[in-house]
Amino acid sequence: MNNEINNSRLAQLFALLSEQPQEVFLHYAIASEYKKAQHWEEAVQWFQKTVQLTPNYIAAYYQMAEAFEASGQREAAKNSLETGLHYAQGAKDLKSISEFKNALMNLDIED
């Protein structure tokens, strides 16, 4: 995986964010750029900002868990998955429920 940050893309996202600071997708997109570049701490911070703005942003919990796990923070990854599962169940999002349960099971197997 390429761990270079796409500075051009990030600059565009931050410019848009300065105009629309409450736009949750921009926070998620910034987090995703950091995750793609394996900048785990920044990715986690931006995923956390995403769910602070919109607590039921289900995809952010899954992605944040992956970033936590990649940085060796397994308990935080598990907590993120459990929170995401809670919101997925509330939304009756069967695909996400299945993904969260599988990810939690895989974490348990790896322990």
PDB file of N, CA and C in Angstrom:
ATOM      1  N   MET A   1       0.848  -1.187   0.000  1.00  0.00           N
ATOM      2  CA  MET A   1       0.000   0.000   0.000  1.00  0.00           C
ATOM      3  C   MET A   1       0.886   1.240   0.000  1.00  0.00           C
ATOM      4  N   ASN A   2       0.502   2.207  -0.778  1.00  0.00           N
ATOM      5  CA  ASN A   2       1.242   3.458  -0.868  1.00  0.00           C
ATOM      6  C   ASN A   2       0.929   4.319   0.357  1.00  0.00           C
ATOM      7  N   ASN A   3       1.984   4.713   1.078  1.00  0.00           N
ATOM      8  CA  ASN A   3       1.729   5.512   2.274  1.00  0.00           C
ATOM      9  C   ASN A   3       2.013   6.995   2.043  1.00  0.00           C
ATOM     10  N   GLU A   4       1.999   7.396   0.782  1.00  0.00           N
ATOM     11  CA  GLU A   4       2.142   8.806   0.450  1.00  0.00           C
ATOM     12  C   GLU A   4       0.779   9.486   0.538  1.00  0.00           C
ATOM     13  N   ILE A   5       0.757  10.624   1.162  1.00  0.00           N
ATOM     14  CA  ILE A   5      -0.487  11.388   1.250  1.00  0.00           C
ATOM     15  C   ILE A   5      -0.690  12.138  -0.062  1.00  0.00           C
ATOM     16  N   ASN A   6      -1.904  12.104  -0.565  1.00  0.00           N
ATOM     17  CA  ASN A   6      -2.257  12.862  -1.750  1.00  0.00           C
ATOM     18  C   ASN A   6      -2.519  14.301  -1.294  1.00  0.00           C
ATOM     19  N   ASN A   7      -1.454  15.105  -1.286  1.00  0.00           N
ATOM     20  CA  ASN A   7      -1.565  16.472  -0.763  1.00  0.00           C
ATOM     21  C   ASN A   7      -2.535  17.327  -1.569  1.00  0.00           C
ATOM     22  N   SER A   8      -2.597  17.074  -2.856  1.00  0.00           N
ATOM     23  CA  SER A   8      -3.524  17.837  -3.691  1.00  0.00           C
ATOM     24  C   SER A   8      -4.969  17.554  -3.289  1.00  0.00           C
ATOM     25  N   ARG A   9      -5.268  16.281  -3.120  1.00  0.00           N
ATOM     26  CA  ARG A   9      -6.628  15.885  -2.711  1.00  0.00           C
ATOM     27  C   ARG A   9      -6.944  16.430  -1.322  1.00  0.00           C
ATOM     28  N   LEU A  10      -5.992  16.289  -0.408  1.00  0.00           N
ATOM     29  CA  LEU A  10      -6.225  16.810   0.945  1.00  0.00           C
ATOM     30  C   LEU A  10      -6.422  18.321   0.924  1.00  0.00           C
ATOM     31  N   ALA A  11      -5.636  19.024   0.130  1.00  0.00           N
ATOM     32  CA  ALA A  11      -5.781  20.483   0.046  1.00  0.00           C
ATOM     33  C   ALA A  11      -7.177  20.849  -0.446  1.00  0.00           C
ATOM     34  N   GLN A  12      -7.672  20.116  -1.438  1.00  0.00           N
ATOM     35  CA  GLN A  12      -9.023  20.362  -1.942  1.00  0.00           C
ATOM     36  C   GLN A  12     -10.062  20.117  -0.851  1.00  0.00           C
ATOM     37  N   LEU A  13      -9.890  19.010  -0.126  1.00  0.00           N
ATOM     38  CA  LEU A  13     -10.844  18.670   0.930  1.00  0.00           C
ATOM     39  C   LEU A  13     -10.829  19.710   2.049  1.00  0.00           C
ATOM     40  N   PHE A  14      -9.629  20.143   2.440  1.00  0.00           N
ATOM     41  CA  PHE A  14      -9.546  21.150   3.501  1.00  0.00           C
ATOM     42  C   PHE A  14     -10.118  22.497   3.041  1.00  0.00           C
ATOM     43  N   ALA A  15      -9.932  22.837   1.764  1.00  0.00           N
ATOM     44  CA  ALA A  15     -10.519  24.075   1.238  1.00  0.00           C
ATOM     45  C   ALA A  15     -12.045  24.004   1.298  1.00  0.00           C
ATOM     46  N   LEU A  16     -12.588  22.867   0.897  1.00  0.00           N
ATOM     47  CA  LEU A  16     -14.046  22.692   0.981  1.00  0.00           C
ATOM     48  C   LEU A  16     -14.519  22.716   2.434  1.00  0.00           C
ATOM     49  N   LEU A  17     -13.734  22.102   3.301  1.00  0.00           N
ATOM     50  CA  LEU A  17     -14.101  22.057   4.717  1.00  0.00           C
ATOM     51  C   LEU A  17     -14.126  23.459   5.325  1.00  0.00           C
ATOM     52  N   SER A  18     -13.215  24.331   4.888  1.00  0.00           N
ATOM     53  CA  SER A  18     -13.201  25.698   5.427  1.00  0.00           C
ATOM     54  C   SER A  18     -14.481  26.439   5.057  1.00  0.00           C
ATOM     55  N   GLU A  19     -15.100  26.046   3.928  1.00  0.00           N
ATOM     56  CA  GLU A  19     -16.360  26.658   3.495  1.00  0.00           C
ATOM     57  C   GLU A  19     -17.572  25.982   4.120  1.00  0.00           C
ATOM     58  N   GLN A  20     -17.417  24.702   4.468  1.00  0.00           N
ATOM     59  CA  GLN A  20     -18.538  23.911   4.992  1.00  0.00           C
ATOM     60  C   GLN A  20     -18.059  23.086   6.187  1.00  0.00           C
ATOM     61  N   PRO A  21     -17.738  23.734   7.298  1.00  0.00           N
ATOM     62  CA  PRO A  21     -17.107  23.020   8.419  1.00  0.00           C
ATOM     63  C   PRO A  21     -17.976  21.932   9.065  1.00  0.00           C
ATOM     64  N   GLN A  22     -19.264  21.956   8.828  1.00  0.00           N
ATOM     65  CA  GLN A  22     -20.143  20.947   9.417  1.00  0.00           C
ATOM     66  C   GLN A  22     -20.486  19.821   8.444  1.00  0.00           C
ATOM     67  N   GLU A  23     -19.891  19.828   7.270  1.00  0.00           N
ATOM     68  CA  GLU A  23     -20.176  18.804   6.263  1.00  0.00           C
ATOM     69  C   GLU A  23     -19.477  17.506   6.651  1.00  0.00           C
ATOM     70  N   VAL A  24     -20.252  16.562   7.119  1.00  0.00           N
ATOM     71  CA  VAL A  24     -19.709  15.327   7.685  1.00  0.00           C
ATOM     72  C   VAL A  24     -18.933  14.510   6.649  1.00  0.00           C
ATOM     73  N   PHE A  25     -19.389  14.496   5.399  1.00  0.00           N
ATOM     74  CA  PHE A  25     -18.687  13.703   4.400  1.00  0.00           C
ATOM     75  C   PHE A  25     -17.264  14.207   4.186  1.00  0.00           C
ATOM     76  N   LEU A  26     -17.035  15.502   4.312  1.00  0.00           N
ATOM     77  CA  LEU A  26     -15.674  16.032   4.145  1.00  0.00           C
ATOM     78  C   LEU A  26     -14.753  15.511   5.245  1.00  0.00           C
ATOM     79  N   HIS A  27     -15.262  15.431   6.461  1.00  0.00           N
ATOM     80  CA  HIS A  27     -14.474  14.868   7.565  1.00  0.00           C
ATOM     81  C   HIS A  27     -14.135  13.407   7.276  1.00  0.00           C
ATOM     82  N   TYR A  28     -15.133  12.679   6.802  1.00  0.00           N
ATOM     83  CA  TYR A  28     -14.945  11.265   6.467  1.00  0.00           C
ATOM     84  C   TYR A  28     -13.930  11.108   5.328  1.00  0.00           C
ATOM     85  N   ALA A  29     -14.028  11.960   4.319  1.00  0.00           N
ATOM     86  CA  ALA A  29     -13.112  11.883   3.180  1.00  0.00           C
ATOM     87  C   ALA A  29     -11.674  12.191   3.598  1.00  0.00           C
ATOM     88  N   ILE A  30     -11.498  13.158   4.479  1.00  0.00           N
ATOM     89  CA  ILE A  30     -10.155  13.478   4.982  1.00  0.00           C
ATOM     90  C   ILE A  30      -9.608  12.289   5.762  1.00  0.00           C
ATOM     91  N   ALA A  31     -10.433  11.715   6.620  1.00  0.00           N
ATOM     92  CA  ALA A  31     -10.013  10.534   7.376  1.00  0.00           C
ATOM     93  C   ALA A  31      -9.606   9.408   6.435  1.00  0.00           C
ATOM     94  N   SER A  32     -10.383   9.215   5.392  1.00  0.00           N
ATOM     95  CA  SER A  32     -10.103   8.147   4.431  1.00  0.00           C
ATOM     96  C   SER A  32      -8.776   8.377   3.701  1.00  0.00           C
ATOM     97  N   GLU A  33      -8.479   9.627   3.385  1.00  0.00           N
ATOM     98  CA  GLU A  33      -7.192   9.937   2.735  1.00  0.00           C
ATOM     99  C   GLU A  33      -6.031   9.589   3.670  1.00  0.00           C
ATOM    100  N   TYR A  34      -6.154   9.949   4.939  1.00  0.00           N
ATOM    101  CA  TYR A  34      -5.097   9.611   5.898  1.00  0.00           C
ATOM    102  C   TYR A  34      -4.985   8.095   6.069  1.00  0.00           C
ATOM    103  N   LYS A  35      -6.115   7.410   6.085  1.00  0.00           N
ATOM    104  CA  LYS A  35      -6.094   5.956   6.239  1.00  0.00           C
ATOM    105  C   LYS A  35      -5.425   5.309   5.040  1.00  0.00           C
ATOM    106  N   LYS A  36      -5.768   5.773   3.844  1.00  0.00           N
ATOM    107  CA  LYS A  36      -5.164   5.239   2.629  1.00  0.00           C
ATOM    108  C   LYS A  36      -3.638   5.360   2.669  1.00  0.00           C
ATOM    109  N   ALA A  37      -3.162   6.443   3.254  1.00  0.00           N
ATOM    110  CA  ALA A  37      -1.723   6.696   3.339  1.00  0.00           C
ATOM    111  C   ALA A  37      -1.098   6.060   4.590  1.00  0.00           C
ATOM    112  N   GLN A  38      -1.885   5.313   5.330  1.00  0.00           N
ATOM    113  CA  GLN A  38      -1.448   4.635   6.553  1.00  0.00           C
ATOM    114  C   GLN A  38      -0.967   5.617   7.632  1.00  0.00           C
ATOM    115  N   HIS A  39      -1.572   6.766   7.677  1.00  0.00           N
ATOM    116  CA  HIS A  39      -1.324   7.739   8.744  1.00  0.00           C
ATOM    117  C   HIS A  39      -2.440   7.527   9.765  1.00  0.00           C
ATOM    118  N   TRP A  40      -2.218   6.492  10.585  1.00  0.00           N
ATOM    119  CA  TRP A  40      -3.290   5.975  11.447  1.00  0.00           C
ATOM    120  C   TRP A  40      -3.795   6.997  12.456  1.00  0.00           C
ATOM    121  N   GLU A  41      -2.894   7.715  13.105  1.00  0.00           N
ATOM    122  CA  GLU A  41      -3.324   8.665  14.138  1.00  0.00           C
ATOM    123  C   GLU A  41      -4.231   9.751  13.550  1.00  0.00           C
ATOM    124  N   GLU A  42      -3.814  10.306  12.426  1.00  0.00           N
ATOM    125  CA  GLU A  42      -4.632  11.341  11.784  1.00  0.00           C
ATOM    126  C   GLU A  42      -5.956  10.757  11.296  1.00  0.00           C
ATOM    127  N   ALA A  43      -5.895   9.547  10.762  1.00  0.00           N
ATOM    128  CA  ALA A  43      -7.125   8.903  10.296  1.00  0.00           C
ATOM    129  C   ALA A  43      -8.114   8.746  11.446  1.00  0.00           C
ATOM    130  N   VAL A  44      -7.630   8.227  12.555  1.00  0.00           N
ATOM    131  CA  VAL A  44      -8.506   8.039  13.723  1.00  0.00           C
ATOM    132  C   VAL A  44      -9.086   9.375  14.173  1.00  0.00           C
ATOM    133  N   GLN A  45      -8.263  10.405  14.239  1.00  0.00           N
ATOM    134  CA  GLN A  45      -8.751  11.711  14.682  1.00  0.00           C
ATOM    135  C   GLN A  45      -9.876  12.218  13.793  1.00  0.00           C
ATOM    136  N   TRP A  46      -9.723  12.053  12.491  1.00  0.00           N
ATOM    137  CA  TRP A  46     -10.755  12.545  11.578  1.00  0.00           C
ATOM    138  C   TRP A  46     -11.985  11.653  11.566  1.00  0.00           C
ATOM    139  N   PHE A  47     -11.816  10.351  11.748  1.00  0.00           N
ATOM    140  CA  PHE A  47     -13.005   9.494  11.889  1.00  0.00           C
ATOM    141  C   PHE A  47     -13.749   9.857  13.174  1.00  0.00           C
ATOM    142  N   GLN A  48     -13.013  10.175  14.228  1.00  0.00           N
ATOM    143  CA  GLN A  48     -13.659  10.586  15.472  1.00  0.00           C
ATOM    144  C   GLN A  48     -14.430  11.888  15.280  1.00  0.00           C
ATOM    145  N   LYS A  49     -13.858  12.820  14.531  1.00  0.00           N
ATOM    146  CA  LYS A  49     -14.577  14.069  14.242  1.00  0.00           C
ATOM    147  C   LYS A  49     -15.848  13.778  13.441  1.00  0.00           C
ATOM    148  N   THR A  50     -15.748  12.806  12.542  1.00  0.00           N
ATOM    149  CA  THR A  50     -16.907  12.425  11.727  1.00  0.00           C
ATOM    150  C   THR A  50     -18.056  11.964  12.617  1.00  0.00           C
ATOM    151  N   VAL A  51     -17.765  11.060  13.546  1.00  0.00           N
ATOM    152  CA  VAL A  51     -18.847  10.522  14.384  1.00  0.00           C
ATOM    153  C   VAL A  51     -19.268  11.498  15.478  1.00  0.00           C
ATOM    154  N   GLN A  52     -18.418  12.470  15.796  1.00  0.00           N
ATOM    155  CA  GLN A  52     -18.868  13.520  16.717  1.00  0.00           C
ATOM    156  C   GLN A  52     -19.939  14.373  16.043  1.00  0.00           C
ATOM    157  N   LEU A  53     -19.739  14.642  14.759  1.00  0.00           N
ATOM    158  CA  LEU A  53     -20.730  15.434  14.013  1.00  0.00           C
ATOM    159  C   LEU A  53     -22.002  14.635  13.760  1.00  0.00           C
ATOM    160  N   THR A  54     -21.823  13.362  13.412  1.00  0.00           N
ATOM    161  CA  THR A  54     -22.959  12.500  13.072  1.00  0.00           C
ATOM    162  C   THR A  54     -22.729  11.140  13.709  1.00  0.00           C
ATOM    163  N   PRO A  55     -23.222  10.962  14.947  1.00  0.00           N
ATOM    164  CA  PRO A  55     -22.941   9.724  15.677  1.00  0.00           C
ATOM    165  C   PRO A  55     -23.390   8.446  14.974  1.00  0.00           C
ATOM    166  N   ASN A  56     -24.362   8.532  14.083  1.00  0.00           N
ATOM    167  CA  ASN A  56     -24.830   7.320  13.413  1.00  0.00           C
ATOM    168  C   ASN A  56     -24.224   7.147  12.018  1.00  0.00           C
ATOM    169  N   TYR A  57     -23.063   7.727  11.781  1.00  0.00           N
ATOM    170  CA  TYR A  57     -22.345   7.571  10.504  1.00  0.00           C
ATOM    171  C   TYR A  57     -21.651   6.208  10.551  1.00  0.00           C
ATOM    172  N   ILE A  58     -22.386   5.179  10.209  1.00  0.00           N
ATOM    173  CA  ILE A  58     -21.996   3.789  10.447  1.00  0.00           C
ATOM    174  C   ILE A  58     -20.660   3.429   9.810  1.00  0.00           C
ATOM    175  N   ALA A  59     -20.439   3.831   8.582  1.00  0.00           N
ATOM    176  CA  ALA A  59     -19.201   3.453   7.879  1.00  0.00           C
ATOM    177  C   ALA A  59     -17.959   3.965   8.594  1.00  0.00           C
ATOM    178  N   ALA A  60     -18.065   5.103   9.246  1.00  0.00           N
ATOM    179  CA  ALA A  60     -16.899   5.679   9.927  1.00  0.00           C
ATOM    180  C   ALA A  60     -16.408   4.779  11.056  1.00  0.00           C
ATOM    181  N   TYR A  61     -17.315   4.106  11.738  1.00  0.00           N
ATOM    182  CA  TYR A  61     -16.911   3.232  12.843  1.00  0.00           C
ATOM    183  C   TYR A  61     -16.088   2.049  12.339  1.00  0.00           C
ATOM    184  N   TYR A  62     -16.497   1.501  11.206  1.00  0.00           N
ATOM    185  CA  TYR A  62     -15.781   0.356  10.636  1.00  0.00           C
ATOM    186  C   TYR A  62     -14.378   0.783  10.192  1.00  0.00           C
ATOM    187  N   GLN A  63     -14.320   1.899   9.481  1.00  0.00           N
ATOM    188  CA  GLN A  63     -13.028   2.399   9.004  1.00  0.00           C
ATOM    189  C   GLN A  63     -12.122   2.807  10.168  1.00  0.00           C
ATOM    190  N   MET A  64     -12.711   3.424  11.176  1.00  0.00           N
ATOM    191  CA  MET A  64     -11.941   3.825  12.351  1.00  0.00           C
ATOM    192  C   MET A  64     -11.390   2.596  13.063  1.00  0.00           C
ATOM    193  N   ALA A  65     -12.175   1.540  13.141  1.00  0.00           N
ATOM    194  CA  ALA A  65     -11.713   0.301  13.770  1.00  0.00           C
ATOM    195  C   ALA A  65     -10.512  -0.262  13.024  1.00  0.00           C
ATOM    196  N   GLU A  66     -10.553  -0.220  11.698  1.00  0.00           N
ATOM    197  CA  GLU A  66      -9.416  -0.705  10.921  1.00  0.00           C
ATOM    198  C   GLU A  66      -8.163   0.123  11.201  1.00  0.00           C
ATOM    199  N   ALA A  67      -8.326   1.431  11.312  1.00  0.00           N
ATOM    200  CA  ALA A  67      -7.182   2.300  11.611  1.00  0.00           C
ATOM    201  C   ALA A  67      -6.650   2.026  13.014  1.00  0.00           C
ATOM    202  N   PHE A  68      -7.554   1.859  13.972  1.00  0.00           N
ATOM    203  CA  PHE A  68      -7.129   1.511  15.331  1.00  0.00           C
ATOM    204  C   PHE A  68      -6.355   0.192  15.327  1.00  0.00           C
ATOM    205  N   GLU A  69      -6.898  -0.804  14.649  1.00  0.00           N
ATOM    206  CA  GLU A  69      -6.253  -2.117  14.640  1.00  0.00           C
ATOM    207  C   GLU A  69      -4.876  -2.045  13.978  1.00  0.00           C
ATOM    208  N   ALA A  70      -4.788  -1.310  12.879  1.00  0.00           N
ATOM    209  CA  ALA A  70      -3.510  -1.184  12.171  1.00  0.00           C
ATOM    210  C   ALA A  70      -2.449  -0.504  13.034  1.00  0.00           C
ATOM    211  N   SER A  71      -2.887   0.337  13.955  1.00  0.00           N
ATOM    212  CA  SER A  71      -1.944   1.026  14.836  1.00  0.00           C
ATOM    213  C   SER A  71      -1.735   0.284  16.153  1.00  0.00           C
ATOM    214  N   GLY A  72      -2.278  -0.933  16.236  1.00  0.00           N
ATOM    215  CA  GLY A  72      -2.059  -1.757  17.420  1.00  0.00           C
ATOM    216  C   GLY A  72      -3.002  -1.493  18.576  1.00  0.00           C
ATOM    217  N   GLN A  73      -4.041  -0.732  18.337  1.00  0.00           N
ATOM    218  CA  GLN A  73      -4.995  -0.391  19.406  1.00  0.00           C
ATOM    219  C   GLN A  73      -6.235  -1.286  19.280  1.00  0.00           C
ATOM    220  N   ARG A  74      -6.051  -2.540  19.631  1.00  0.00           N
ATOM    221  CA  ARG A  74      -7.096  -3.540  19.436  1.00  0.00           C
ATOM    222  C   ARG A  74      -8.349  -3.279  20.279  1.00  0.00           C
ATOM    223  N   GLU A  75      -8.171  -2.838  21.509  1.00  0.00           N
ATOM    224  CA  GLU A  75      -9.341  -2.580  22.363  1.00  0.00           C
ATOM    225  C   GLU A  75     -10.160  -1.416  21.810  1.00  0.00           C
ATOM    226  N   ALA A  76      -9.478  -0.378  21.336  1.00  0.00           N
ATOM    227  CA  ALA A  76     -10.180   0.750  20.721  1.00  0.00           C
ATOM    228  C   ALA A  76     -10.883   0.305  19.443  1.00  0.00           C
ATOM    229  N   ALA A  77     -10.244  -0.589  18.684  1.00  0.00           N
ATOM    230  CA  ALA A  77     -10.864  -1.131  17.474  1.00  0.00           C
ATOM    231  C   ALA A  77     -12.148  -1.875  17.835  1.00  0.00           C
ATOM    232  N   LYS A  78     -12.063  -2.689  18.870  1.00  0.00           N
ATOM    233  CA  LYS A  78     -13.237  -3.449  19.305  1.00  0.00           C
ATOM    234  C   LYS A  78     -14.361  -2.506  19.744  1.00  0.00           C
ATOM    235  N   ASN A  79     -14.025  -1.470  20.498  1.00  0.00           N
ATOM    236  CA  ASN A  79     -15.030  -0.504  20.941  1.00  0.00           C
ATOM    237  C   ASN A  79     -15.695   0.191  19.761  1.00  0.00           C
ATOM    238  N   SER A  80     -14.895   0.535  18.758  1.00  0.00           N
ATOM    239  CA  SER A  80     -15.435   1.193  17.575  1.00  0.00           C
ATOM    240  C   SER A  80     -16.387   0.258  16.833  1.00  0.00           C
ATOM    241  N   LEU A  81     -16.003  -1.000  16.699  1.00  0.00           N
ATOM    242  CA  LEU A  81     -16.868  -1.974  16.035  1.00  0.00           C
ATOM    243  C   LEU A  81     -18.168  -2.183  16.808  1.00  0.00           C
ATOM    244  N   GLU A  82     -18.070  -2.248  18.115  1.00  0.00           N
ATOM    245  CA  GLU A  82     -19.277  -2.442  18.933  1.00  0.00           C
ATOM    246  C   GLU A  82     -20.222  -1.241  18.814  1.00  0.00           C
ATOM    247  N   THR A  83     -19.659  -0.043  18.785  1.00  0.00           N
ATOM    248  CA  THR A  83     -20.494   1.154  18.638  1.00  0.00           C
ATOM    249  C   THR A  83     -21.142   1.177  17.257  1.00  0.00           C
ATOM    250  N   GLY A  84     -20.354   0.860  16.235  1.00  0.00           N
ATOM    251  CA  GLY A  84     -20.907   0.803  14.886  1.00  0.00           C
ATOM    252  C   GLY A  84     -22.006  -0.235  14.763  1.00  0.00           C
ATOM    253  N   LEU A  85     -21.803  -1.382  15.400  1.00  0.00           N
ATOM    254  CA  LEU A  85     -22.812  -2.439  15.398  1.00  0.00           C
ATOM    255  C   LEU A  85     -24.109  -1.936  16.029  1.00  0.00           C
ATOM    256  N   HIS A  86     -23.984  -1.222  17.129  1.00  0.00           N
ATOM    257  CA  HIS A  86     -25.155  -0.652  17.812  1.00  0.00           C
ATOM    258  C   HIS A  86     -25.964   0.231  16.851  1.00  0.00           C
ATOM    259  N   TYR A  87     -25.268   1.122  16.145  1.00  0.00           N
ATOM    260  CA  TYR A  87     -25.970   2.012  15.214  1.00  0.00           C
ATOM    261  C   TYR A  87     -26.523   1.248  14.017  1.00  0.00           C
ATOM    262  N   ALA A  88     -25.783   0.243  13.540  1.00  0.00           N
ATOM    263  CA  ALA A  88     -26.265  -0.571  12.417  1.00  0.00           C
ATOM    264  C   ALA A  88     -27.531  -1.329  12.804  1.00  0.00           C
ATOM    265  N   GLN A  89     -27.553  -1.849  14.027  1.00  0.00           N
ATOM    266  CA  GLN A  89     -28.745  -2.548  14.499  1.00  0.00           C
ATOM    267  C   GLN A  89     -29.921  -1.588  14.605  1.00  0.00           C
ATOM    268  N   GLY A  90     -29.657  -0.389  15.110  1.00  0.00           N
ATOM    269  CA  GLY A  90     -30.720   0.615  15.211  1.00  0.00           C
ATOM    270  C   GLY A  90     -31.290   0.998  13.858  1.00  0.00           C
ATOM    271  N   ALA A  91     -30.428   1.002  12.839  1.00  0.00           N
ATOM    272  CA  ALA A  91     -30.857   1.346  11.485  1.00  0.00           C
ATOM    273  C   ALA A  91     -31.383   0.133  10.726  1.00  0.00           C
ATOM    274  N   LYS A  92     -31.304  -1.039  11.358  1.00  0.00           N
ATOM    275  CA  LYS A  92     -31.698  -2.304  10.708  1.00  0.00           C
ATOM    276  C   LYS A  92     -30.946  -2.505   9.386  1.00  0.00           C
ATOM    277  N   ASP A  93     -29.669  -2.136   9.407  1.00  0.00           N
ATOM    278  CA  ASP A  93     -28.790  -2.256   8.244  1.00  0.00           C
ATOM    279  C   ASP A  93     -28.122  -3.629   8.295  1.00  0.00           C
ATOM    280  N   LEU A  94     -28.776  -4.603   7.667  1.00  0.00           N
ATOM    281  CA  LEU A  94     -28.341  -5.995   7.793  1.00  0.00           C
ATOM    282  C   LEU A  94     -26.936  -6.237   7.247  1.00  0.00           C
ATOM    283  N   LYS A  95     -26.584  -5.583   6.162  1.00  0.00           N
ATOM    284  CA  LYS A  95     -25.243  -5.757   5.588  1.00  0.00           C
ATOM    285  C   LYS A  95     -24.183  -5.261   6.573  1.00  0.00           C
ATOM    286  N   SER A  96     -24.397  -4.090   7.127  1.00  0.00           N
ATOM    287  CA  SER A  96     -23.430  -3.543   8.092  1.00  0.00           C
ATOM    288  C   SER A  96     -23.393  -4.370   9.369  1.00  0.00           C
ATOM    289  N   ILE A  97     -24.543  -4.835   9.824  1.00  0.00           N
ATOM    290  CA  ILE A  97     -24.582  -5.688  11.027  1.00  0.00           C
ATOM    291  C   ILE A  97     -23.689  -6.903  10.808  1.00  0.00           C
ATOM    292  N   SER A  98     -23.834  -7.534   9.665  1.00  0.00           N
ATOM    293  CA  SER A  98     -23.032  -8.711   9.342  1.00  0.00           C
ATOM    294  C   SER A  98     -21.540  -8.371   9.303  1.00  0.00           C
ATOM    295  N   GLU A  99     -21.190  -7.254   8.677  1.00  0.00           N
ATOM    296  CA  GLU A  99     -19.782  -6.847   8.581  1.00  0.00           C
ATOM    297  C   GLU A  99     -19.192  -6.574   9.959  1.00  0.00           C
ATOM    298  N   PHE A 100     -19.941  -5.880  10.801  1.00  0.00           N
ATOM    299  CA  PHE A 100     -19.445  -5.585  12.147  1.00  0.00           C
ATOM    300  C   PHE A 100     -19.276  -6.863  12.964  1.00  0.00           C
ATOM    301  N   LYS A 101     -20.248  -7.752  12.872  1.00  0.00           N
ATOM    302  CA  LYS A 101     -20.153  -9.010  13.626  1.00  0.00           C
ATOM    303  C   LYS A 101     -18.963  -9.841  13.150  1.00  0.00           C
ATOM    304  N   ASN A 102     -18.753  -9.912  11.847  1.00  0.00           N
ATOM    305  CA  ASN A 102     -17.610 -10.654  11.320  1.00  0.00           C
ATOM    306  C   ASN A 102     -16.289 -10.038  11.771  1.00  0.00           C
ATOM    307  N   ALA A 103     -16.208  -8.725  11.734  1.00  0.00           N
ATOM    308  CA  ALA A 103     -14.978  -8.046  12.155  1.00  0.00           C
ATOM    309  C   ALA A 103     -14.709  -8.289  13.646  1.00  0.00           C
ATOM    310  N   LEU A 104     -15.767  -8.243  14.454  1.00  0.00           N
ATOM    311  CA  LEU A 104     -15.599  -8.513  15.894  1.00  0.00           C
ATOM    312  C   LEU A 104     -15.156  -9.950  16.130  1.00  0.00           C
ATOM    313  N   MET A 105     -15.737 -10.877  15.392  1.00  0.00           N
ATOM    314  CA  MET A 105     -15.363 -12.279  15.524  1.00  0.00           C
ATOM    315  C   MET A 105     -13.889 -12.465  15.118  1.00  0.00           C
ATOM    316  N   ASN A 106     -13.476 -11.809  14.047  1.00  0.00           N
ATOM    317  CA  ASN A 106     -12.078 -11.911  13.616  1.00  0.00           C
ATOM    318  C   ASN A 106     -11.123 -11.332  14.646  1.00  0.00           C
ATOM    319  N   LEU A 107     -11.511 -10.249  15.294  1.00  0.00           N
ATOM    320  CA  LEU A 107     -10.680  -9.685  16.367  1.00  0.00           C
ATOM    321  C   LEU A 107     -10.533 -10.677  17.500  1.00  0.00           C
ATOM    322  N   ASP A 108     -11.634 -11.333  17.863  1.00  0.00           N
ATOM    323  CA  ASP A 108     -11.607 -12.313  18.930  1.00  0.00           C
ATOM    324  C   ASP A 108     -10.733 -13.512  18.575  1.00  0.00           C
ATOM    325  N   ILE A 109     -10.796 -13.951  17.319  1.00  0.00           N
ATOM    326  CA  ILE A 109     -10.001 -15.087  16.870  1.00  0.00           C
ATOM    327  C   ILE A 109      -8.518 -14.757  16.939  1.00  0.00           C
ATOM    328  N   GLU A 110      -8.165 -13.515  16.590  1.00  0.00           N
ATOM    329  CA  GLU A 110      -6.767 -13.104  16.569  1.00  0.00           C
ATOM    330  C   GLU A 110      -6.188 -12.935  17.955  1.00  0.00           C
ATOM    331  N   ASP A 111      -7.040 -12.781  18.963  1.00  0.00           N
ATOM    332  CA  ASP A 111      -6.539 -12.610  20.344  1.00  0.00           C
ATOM    333  C   ASP A 111      -5.914 -13.868  20.894  1.00  0.00           C
TER     334      ASP A 111
END
